[in-house]
PDB file of N, CA and C in Angstrom:
ATOM      1  N   UNK A   1     108.159 103.542  61.702  1.00  0.00           N
ATOM      2  CA  UNK A   1     107.090 104.476  62.179  1.00  0.00           C
ATOM      3  C   UNK A   1     107.457 104.449  63.573  1.00  0.00           C
ATOM      4  N   UNK A   2     107.588 103.424  64.064  1.00  0.00           N
ATOM      5  CA  UNK A   2     107.891 102.881  65.456  1.00  0.00           C
ATOM      6  C   UNK A   2     109.576 103.699  65.765  1.00  0.00           C
ATOM      7  N   UNK A   3     110.541 103.827  65.320  1.00  0.00           N
ATOM      8  CA  UNK A   3     111.312 104.237  65.152  1.00  0.00           C
ATOM      9  C   UNK A   3     111.143 105.619  64.849  1.00  0.00           C
ATOM     10  N   UNK A   4     110.489 105.938  64.456  1.00  0.00           N
ATOM     11  CA  UNK A   4     110.636 107.868  64.726  1.00  0.00           C
ATOM     12  C   UNK A   4     109.594 108.383  66.207  1.00  0.00           C
ATOM     13  N   UNK A   5     108.628 107.979  65.871  1.00  0.00           N
ATOM     14  CA  UNK A   5     107.830 107.819  67.546  1.00  0.00           C
ATOM     15  C   UNK A   5     108.843 107.632  68.753  1.00  0.00           C
ATOM     16  N   UNK A   6     110.032 106.855  68.685  1.00  0.00           N
ATOM     17  CA  UNK A   6     110.592 106.325  69.563  1.00  0.00           C
ATOM     18  C   UNK A   6     111.378 107.520  69.989  1.00  0.00           C
ATOM     19  N   UNK A   7     111.842 108.310  68.307  1.00  0.00           N
ATOM     20  CA  UNK A   7     113.524 108.845  68.618  1.00  0.00           C
ATOM     21  C   UNK A   7     112.573 110.864  68.805  1.00  0.00           C
ATOM     22  N   UNK A   8     111.418 110.632  68.453  1.00  0.00           N
ATOM     23  CA  UNK A   8     110.937 112.111  68.987  1.00  0.00           C
ATOM     24  C   UNK A   8     110.840 111.897  70.685  1.00  0.00           C
ATOM     25  N   UNK A   9     110.154 110.994  71.380  1.00  0.00           N
ATOM     26  CA  UNK A   9     109.956 110.667  72.772  1.00  0.00           C
ATOM     27  C   UNK A   9     111.816 110.603  73.261  1.00  0.00           C
ATOM     28  N   UNK A  10     112.281 110.190  72.796  1.00  0.00           N
ATOM     29  CA  UNK A  10     113.970 110.166  73.774  1.00  0.00           C
ATOM     30  C   UNK A  10     114.569 111.961  73.721  1.00  0.00           C
ATOM     31  N   UNK A  11     113.906 112.433  72.346  1.00  0.00           N
ATOM     32  CA  UNK A  11     114.358 113.761  72.338  1.00  0.00           C
ATOM     33  C   UNK A  11     114.336 114.970  73.201  1.00  0.00           C
ATOM     34  N   UNK A  12     112.649 114.470  73.209  1.00  0.00           N
ATOM     35  CA  UNK A  12     111.493 115.188  73.934  1.00  0.00           C
ATOM     36  C   UNK A  12     111.800 115.414  75.861  1.00  0.00           C
ATOM     37  N   UNK A  13     112.542 113.820  76.080  1.00  0.00           N
ATOM     38  CA  UNK A  13     112.943 113.986  77.440  1.00  0.00           C
ATOM     39  C   UNK A  13     114.194 114.697  77.688  1.00  0.00           C
ATOM     40  N   UNK A  14     115.043 114.320  76.485  1.00  0.00           N
ATOM     41  CA  UNK A  14     116.012 115.241  76.486  1.00  0.00           C
ATOM     42  C   UNK A  14     116.246 116.354  76.818  1.00  0.00           C
ATOM     43  N   UNK A  15     115.123 117.085  75.879  1.00  0.00           N
ATOM     44  CA  UNK A  15     114.922 119.023  76.293  1.00  0.00           C
ATOM     45  C   UNK A  15     114.626 118.910  77.639  1.00  0.00           C
ATOM     46  N   UNK A  16     113.311 117.840  78.505  1.00  0.00           N
ATOM     47  CA  UNK A  16     113.194 118.430  79.559  1.00  0.00           C
ATOM     48  C   UNK A  16     114.095 118.133  80.207  1.00  0.00           C
ATOM     49  N   UNK A  17     114.614 117.355  80.658  1.00  0.00           N
ATOM     50  CA  UNK A  17     115.964 117.314  81.201  1.00  0.00           C
ATOM     51  C   UNK A  17     116.522 118.420  81.582  1.00  0.00           C
ATOM     52  N   UNK A  18     117.657 118.692  79.788  1.00  0.00           N
ATOM     53  CA  UNK A  18     118.146 119.835  79.704  1.00  0.00           C
ATOM     54  C   UNK A  18     117.105 120.880  80.428  1.00  0.00           C
ATOM     55  N   UNK A  19     115.871 121.796  80.051  1.00  0.00           N
ATOM     56  CA  UNK A  19     115.402 122.529  81.001  1.00  0.00           C
ATOM     57  C   UNK A  19     115.065 122.390  82.759  1.00  0.00           C
ATOM     58  N   UNK A  20     115.196 121.389  82.962  1.00  0.00           N
ATOM     59  CA  UNK A  20     115.102 121.189  84.290  1.00  0.00           C
ATOM     60  C   UNK A  20     116.377 121.518  85.151  1.00  0.00           C
ATOM     61  N   UNK A  21     117.676 121.038  84.306  1.00  0.00           N
ATOM     62  CA  UNK A  21     118.816 120.820  84.850  1.00  0.00           C
ATOM     63  C   UNK A  21     118.472 122.881  84.625  1.00  0.00           C
ATOM     64  N   UNK A  22     118.599 123.850  83.906  1.00  0.00           N
ATOM     65  CA  UNK A  22     119.086 125.210  83.827  1.00  0.00           C
ATOM     66  C   UNK A  22     117.981 125.628  84.308  1.00  0.00           C
ATOM     67  N   UNK A  23     116.750 125.677  84.711  1.00  0.00           N
ATOM     68  CA  UNK A  23     116.256 125.795  86.122  1.00  0.00           C
ATOM     69  C   UNK A  23     116.633 126.832  87.700  1.00  0.00           C
ATOM     70  N   UNK A  24     115.064 126.575  88.101  1.00  0.00           N
ATOM     71  CA  UNK A  24     115.716 127.102  89.313  1.00  0.00           C
ATOM     72  C   UNK A  24     116.062 125.622  90.377  1.00  0.00           C
ATOM     73  N   UNK A  25     115.423 124.919  89.795  1.00  0.00           N
ATOM     74  CA  UNK A  25     114.918 123.311  90.424  1.00  0.00           C
ATOM     75  C   UNK A  25     116.797 122.675  90.199  1.00  0.00           C
ATOM     76  N   UNK A  26     117.450 123.343  89.994  1.00  0.00           N
ATOM     77  CA  UNK A  26     118.561 122.361  90.065  1.00  0.00           C
ATOM     78  C   UNK A  26     119.754 121.425  90.998  1.00  0.00           C
ATOM     79  N   UNK A  27     119.449 122.411  92.094  1.00  0.00           N
ATOM     80  CA  UNK A  27     119.564 121.682  93.335  1.00  0.00           C
ATOM     81  C   UNK A  27     118.929 120.208  93.447  1.00  0.00           C
ATOM     82  N   UNK A  28     117.342 120.224  92.992  1.00  0.00           N
ATOM     83  CA  UNK A  28     116.573 119.535  93.462  1.00  0.00           C
ATOM     84  C   UNK A  28     117.011 118.387  92.107  1.00  0.00           C
ATOM     85  N   UNK A  29     117.369 118.816  90.873  1.00  0.00           N
ATOM     86  CA  UNK A  29     117.343 117.479  90.227  1.00  0.00           C
ATOM     87  C   UNK A  29     119.170 117.346  89.732  1.00  0.00           C
ATOM     88  N   UNK A  30     119.628 117.512  90.644  1.00  0.00           N
ATOM     89  CA  UNK A  30     121.177 117.447  90.113  1.00  0.00           C
ATOM     90  C   UNK A  30     121.410 116.073  90.626  1.00  0.00           C
ATOM     91  N   UNK A  31     120.523 115.320  91.624  1.00  0.00           N
ATOM     92  CA  UNK A  31     121.172 113.844  92.156  1.00  0.00           C
ATOM     93  C   UNK A  31     120.825 113.119  91.281  1.00  0.00           C
ATOM     94  N   UNK A  32     119.156 113.737  90.890  1.00  0.00           N
ATOM     95  CA  UNK A  32     118.663 112.890  89.649  1.00  0.00           C
ATOM     96  C   UNK A  32     119.745 112.493  88.293  1.00  0.00           C
ATOM     97  N   UNK A  33     120.094 113.689  87.880  1.00  0.00           N
ATOM     98  CA  UNK A  33     121.168 113.978  86.798  1.00  0.00           C
ATOM     99  C   UNK A  33     122.572 113.098  86.934  1.00  0.00           C
ATOM    100  N   UNK A  34     122.674 113.056  88.048  1.00  0.00           N
ATOM    101  CA  UNK A  34     124.075 112.830  88.550  1.00  0.00           C
ATOM    102  C   UNK A  34     123.977 111.003  88.259  1.00  0.00           C
ATOM    103  N   UNK A  35     122.806 110.405  88.928  1.00  0.00           N
ATOM    104  CA  UNK A  35     122.704 109.314  88.769  1.00  0.00           C
ATOM    105  C   UNK A  35     122.078 108.372  87.724  1.00  0.00           C
ATOM    106  N   UNK A  36     121.820 109.291  86.172  1.00  0.00           N
ATOM    107  CA  UNK A  36     121.485 109.483  85.585  1.00  0.00           C
ATOM    108  C   UNK A  36     123.395 108.851  83.960  1.00  0.00           C
ATOM    109  N   UNK A  37     123.681 110.344  84.543  1.00  0.00           N
ATOM    110  CA  UNK A  37     124.770 110.468  84.361  1.00  0.00           C
ATOM    111  C   UNK A  37     126.241 109.067  84.761  1.00  0.00           C
ATOM    112  N   UNK A  38     126.013 108.425  85.991  1.00  0.00           N
ATOM    113  CA  UNK A  38     126.646 107.583  86.818  1.00  0.00           C
ATOM    114  C   UNK A  38     126.499 106.014  85.308  1.00  0.00           C
ATOM    115  N   UNK A  39     124.898 105.968  85.616  1.00  0.00           N
ATOM    116  CA  UNK A  39     124.181 104.670  84.715  1.00  0.00           C
ATOM    117  C   UNK A  39     125.137 105.154  83.218  1.00  0.00           C
ATOM    118  N   UNK A  40     124.867 106.102  82.109  1.00  0.00           N
ATOM    119  CA  UNK A  40     125.670 105.739  81.123  1.00  0.00           C
ATOM    120  C   UNK A  40     127.328 105.791  81.362  1.00  0.00           C
ATOM    121  N   UNK A  41     128.119 106.311  81.925  1.00  0.00           N
ATOM    122  CA  UNK A  41     129.187 106.225  82.042  1.00  0.00           C
ATOM    123  C   UNK A  41     129.270 104.724  82.433  1.00  0.00           C
ATOM    124  N   UNK A  42     128.421 104.039  83.655  1.00  0.00           N
ATOM    125  CA  UNK A  42     128.935 102.313  83.569  1.00  0.00           C
ATOM    126  C   UNK A  42     128.797 101.792  81.806  1.00  0.00           C
ATOM    127  N   UNK A  43     127.529 101.675  81.478  1.00  0.00           N
ATOM    128  CA  UNK A  43     126.573 101.036  80.405  1.00  0.00           C
ATOM    129  C   UNK A  43     127.592 101.087  79.306  1.00  0.00           C
ATOM    130  N   UNK A  44     127.835 102.611  78.838  1.00  0.00           N
ATOM    131  CA  UNK A  44     128.276 102.924  77.853  1.00  0.00           C
ATOM    132  C   UNK A  44     129.883 101.374  77.277  1.00  0.00           C
ATOM    133  N   UNK A  45     130.555 101.248  78.254  1.00  0.00           N
ATOM    134  CA  UNK A  45     131.354 100.465  77.669  1.00  0.00           C
ATOM    135  C   UNK A  45     130.752  98.824  77.567  1.00  0.00           C
ATOM    136  N   UNK A  46     130.515  98.917  78.577  1.00  0.00           N
ATOM    137  CA  UNK A  46     129.644  97.448  78.765  1.00  0.00           C
ATOM    138  C   UNK A  46     129.278  96.847  77.163  1.00  0.00           C
ATOM    139  N   UNK A  47     127.984  97.767  76.421  1.00  0.00           N
ATOM    140  CA  UNK A  47     127.636  97.602  75.624  1.00  0.00           C
ATOM    141  C   UNK A  47     128.584  97.805  74.178  1.00  0.00           C
ATOM    142  N   UNK A  48     129.372  98.683  74.040  1.00  0.00           N
ATOM    143  CA  UNK A  48     130.627  98.636  73.306  1.00  0.00           C
ATOM    144  C   UNK A  48     131.392  97.740  73.034  1.00  0.00           C
ATOM    145  N   UNK A  49     131.534  96.638  74.389  1.00  0.00           N
ATOM    146  CA  UNK A  49     132.138  95.037  74.396  1.00  0.00           C
ATOM    147  C   UNK A  49     131.816  94.207  73.898  1.00  0.00           C
ATOM    148  N   UNK A  50     129.996  94.463  74.157  1.00  0.00           N
ATOM    149  CA  UNK A  50     129.204  93.562  73.552  1.00  0.00           C
ATOM    150  C   UNK A  50     128.812  93.983  71.779  1.00  0.00           C
ATOM    151  N   UNK A  51     129.208  95.069  71.096  1.00  0.00           N
ATOM    152  CA  UNK A  51     129.056  95.190  70.456  1.00  0.00           C
ATOM    153  C   UNK A  51     129.867  94.539  69.440  1.00  0.00           C
ATOM    154  N   UNK A  52     131.305  95.082  70.014  1.00  0.00           N
ATOM    155  CA  UNK A  52     132.729  94.354  69.040  1.00  0.00           C
ATOM    156  C   UNK A  52     132.830  92.528  69.155  1.00  0.00           C
ATOM    157  N   UNK A  53     132.182  92.203  70.552  1.00  0.00           N
ATOM    158  CA  UNK A  53     132.286  90.285  70.441  1.00  0.00           C
ATOM    159  C   UNK A  53     131.106  90.036  69.538  1.00  0.00           C
ATOM    160  N   UNK A  54     130.606  90.800  69.285  1.00  0.00           N
ATOM    161  CA  UNK A  54     129.172  90.496  67.901  1.00  0.00           C
ATOM    162  C   UNK A  54     129.780  90.509  67.217  1.00  0.00           C
ATOM    163  N   UNK A  55     130.463  91.933  66.944  1.00  0.00           N
ATOM    164  CA  UNK A  55     130.638  91.913  65.193  1.00  0.00           C
ATOM    165  C   UNK A  55     132.553  90.878  64.688  1.00  0.00           C
ATOM    166  N   UNK A  56     132.937  90.829  65.991  1.00  0.00           N
ATOM    167  CA  UNK A  56     134.163  89.818  65.497  1.00  0.00           C
ATOM    168  C   UNK A  56     133.924  88.477  65.579  1.00  0.00           C
ATOM    169  N   UNK A  57     132.793  87.722  66.084  1.00  0.00           N
ATOM    170  CA  UNK A  57     132.463  86.336  65.978  1.00  0.00           C
ATOM    171  C   UNK A  57     130.987  86.352  65.274  1.00  0.00           C
ATOM    172  N   UNK A  58     130.856  87.252  64.191  1.00  0.00           N
ATOM    173  CA  UNK A  58     130.259  86.963  62.980  1.00  0.00           C
ATOM    174  C   UNK A  58     130.851  86.383  62.038  1.00  0.00           C
ATOM    175  N   UNK A  59     130.370  85.509  61.820  1.00  0.00           N
ATOM    176  CA  UNK A  59     130.715  84.653  60.263  1.00  0.00           C
ATOM    177  C   UNK A  59     131.040  85.252  59.365  1.00  0.00           C
ATOM    178  N   UNK A  60     131.551  85.491  58.202  1.00  0.00           N
ATOM    179  CA  UNK A  60     130.970  85.751  56.628  1.00  0.00           C
ATOM    180  C   UNK A  60     130.614  85.102  55.970  1.00  0.00           C
ATOM    181  N   UNK A  61     131.360  83.788  56.011  1.00  0.00           N
ATOM    182  CA  UNK A  61     131.808  82.136  54.863  1.00  0.00           C
ATOM    183  C   UNK A  61     130.086  81.551  54.937  1.00  0.00           C
ATOM    184  N   UNK A  62     129.492  81.737  56.382  1.00  0.00           N
ATOM    185  CA  UNK A  62     128.250  81.090  56.543  1.00  0.00           C
ATOM    186  C   UNK A  62     126.902  81.485  55.596  1.00  0.00           C
ATOM    187  N   UNK A  63     125.896  80.968  55.297  1.00  0.00           N
ATOM    188  CA  UNK A  63     125.061  81.795  54.431  1.00  0.00           C
ATOM    189  C   UNK A  63     123.650  82.223  55.533  1.00  0.00           C
ATOM    190  N   UNK A  64     124.173  81.533  56.675  1.00  0.00           N
ATOM    191  CA  UNK A  64     122.718  82.161  56.958  1.00  0.00           C
ATOM    192  C   UNK A  64     122.900  83.687  57.655  1.00  0.00           C
ATOM    193  N   UNK A  65     124.823  84.094  57.670  1.00  0.00           N
ATOM    194  CA  UNK A  65     125.023  84.665  58.562  1.00  0.00           C
ATOM    195  C   UNK A  65     124.490  86.700  57.498  1.00  0.00           C
ATOM    196  N   UNK A  66     125.102  86.118  56.098  1.00  0.00           N
ATOM    197  CA  UNK A  66     124.591  86.911  54.523  1.00  0.00           C
ATOM    198  C   UNK A  66     122.498  87.113  54.471  1.00  0.00           C
ATOM    199  N   UNK A  67     122.034  85.938  54.826  1.00  0.00           N
ATOM    200  CA  UNK A  67     121.032  85.893  54.508  1.00  0.00           C
ATOM    201  C   UNK A  67     119.870  86.593  55.681  1.00  0.00           C
ATOM    202  N   UNK A  68     120.547  86.722  56.744  1.00  0.00           N
ATOM    203  CA  UNK A  68     119.886  86.621  58.266  1.00  0.00           C
ATOM    204  C   UNK A  68     118.865  85.968  58.401  1.00  0.00           C
ATOM    205  N   UNK A  69     118.881  84.525  57.928  1.00  0.00           N
ATOM    206  CA  UNK A  69     118.356  83.911  58.126  1.00  0.00           C
ATOM    207  C   UNK A  69     119.256  82.487  58.420  1.00  0.00           C
ATOM    208  N   UNK A  70     118.571  81.711  59.684  1.00  0.00           N
ATOM    209  CA  UNK A  70     119.702  80.787  59.899  1.00  0.00           C
ATOM    210  C   UNK A  70     119.130  79.397  58.830  1.00  0.00           C
ATOM    211  N   UNK A  71     120.486  78.738  58.700  1.00  0.00           N
ATOM    212  CA  UNK A  71     120.688  77.125  57.669  1.00  0.00           C
ATOM    213  C   UNK A  71     119.755  76.313  58.072  1.00  0.00           C
ATOM    214  N   UNK A  72     119.500  76.390  59.178  1.00  0.00           N
ATOM    215  CA  UNK A  72     118.722  75.243  59.999  1.00  0.00           C
ATOM    216  C   UNK A  72     117.644  75.143  59.518  1.00  0.00           C
ATOM    217  N   UNK A  73     116.772  76.506  59.944  1.00  0.00           N
ATOM    218  CA  UNK A  73     115.687  76.767  59.208  1.00  0.00           C
ATOM    219  C   UNK A  73     115.565  76.125  58.042  1.00  0.00           C
ATOM    220  N   UNK A  74     116.168  76.718  56.609  1.00  0.00           N
ATOM    221  CA  UNK A  74     116.082  76.322  54.991  1.00  0.00           C
ATOM    222  C   UNK A  74     116.371  75.142  55.328  1.00  0.00           C
ATOM    223  N   UNK A  75     116.986  74.382  55.792  1.00  0.00           N
ATOM    224  CA  UNK A  75     117.226  72.646  55.476  1.00  0.00           C
ATOM    225  C   UNK A  75     115.912  72.256  56.290  1.00  0.00           C
ATOM    226  N   UNK A  76     115.333  72.367  57.202  1.00  0.00           N
ATOM    227  CA  UNK A  76     113.769  71.921  57.490  1.00  0.00           C
ATOM    228  C   UNK A  76     112.898  71.839  56.478  1.00  0.00           C
ATOM    229  N   UNK A  77     112.921  72.964  55.687  1.00  0.00           N
ATOM    230  CA  UNK A  77     112.013  72.976  54.952  1.00  0.00           C
ATOM    231  C   UNK A  77     112.493  72.310  53.651  1.00  0.00           C
ATOM    232  N   UNK A  78     113.532  72.193  52.953  1.00  0.00           N
ATOM    233  CA  UNK A  78     113.947  71.349  51.852  1.00  0.00           C
ATOM    234  C   UNK A  78     113.608  69.562  51.946  1.00  0.00           C
TER     235      UNK A  78
END
């Protein structure tokens, strides 16, 4: 449910920014939109490298990576 609500909010924000960019207030909104664009230009490569490192450092042989829970928690229960 939370994912659907967040998706709808993000879509509405994107539509609102697109309407503002095409409106008569384009000159006033232009600096704000450029700031947002620069933010994503910087953040996307950083997030991509982080996701790549997480994928490469994930071990497929240990049981904790396959089950989604840590083996230290399971050994404490036994």
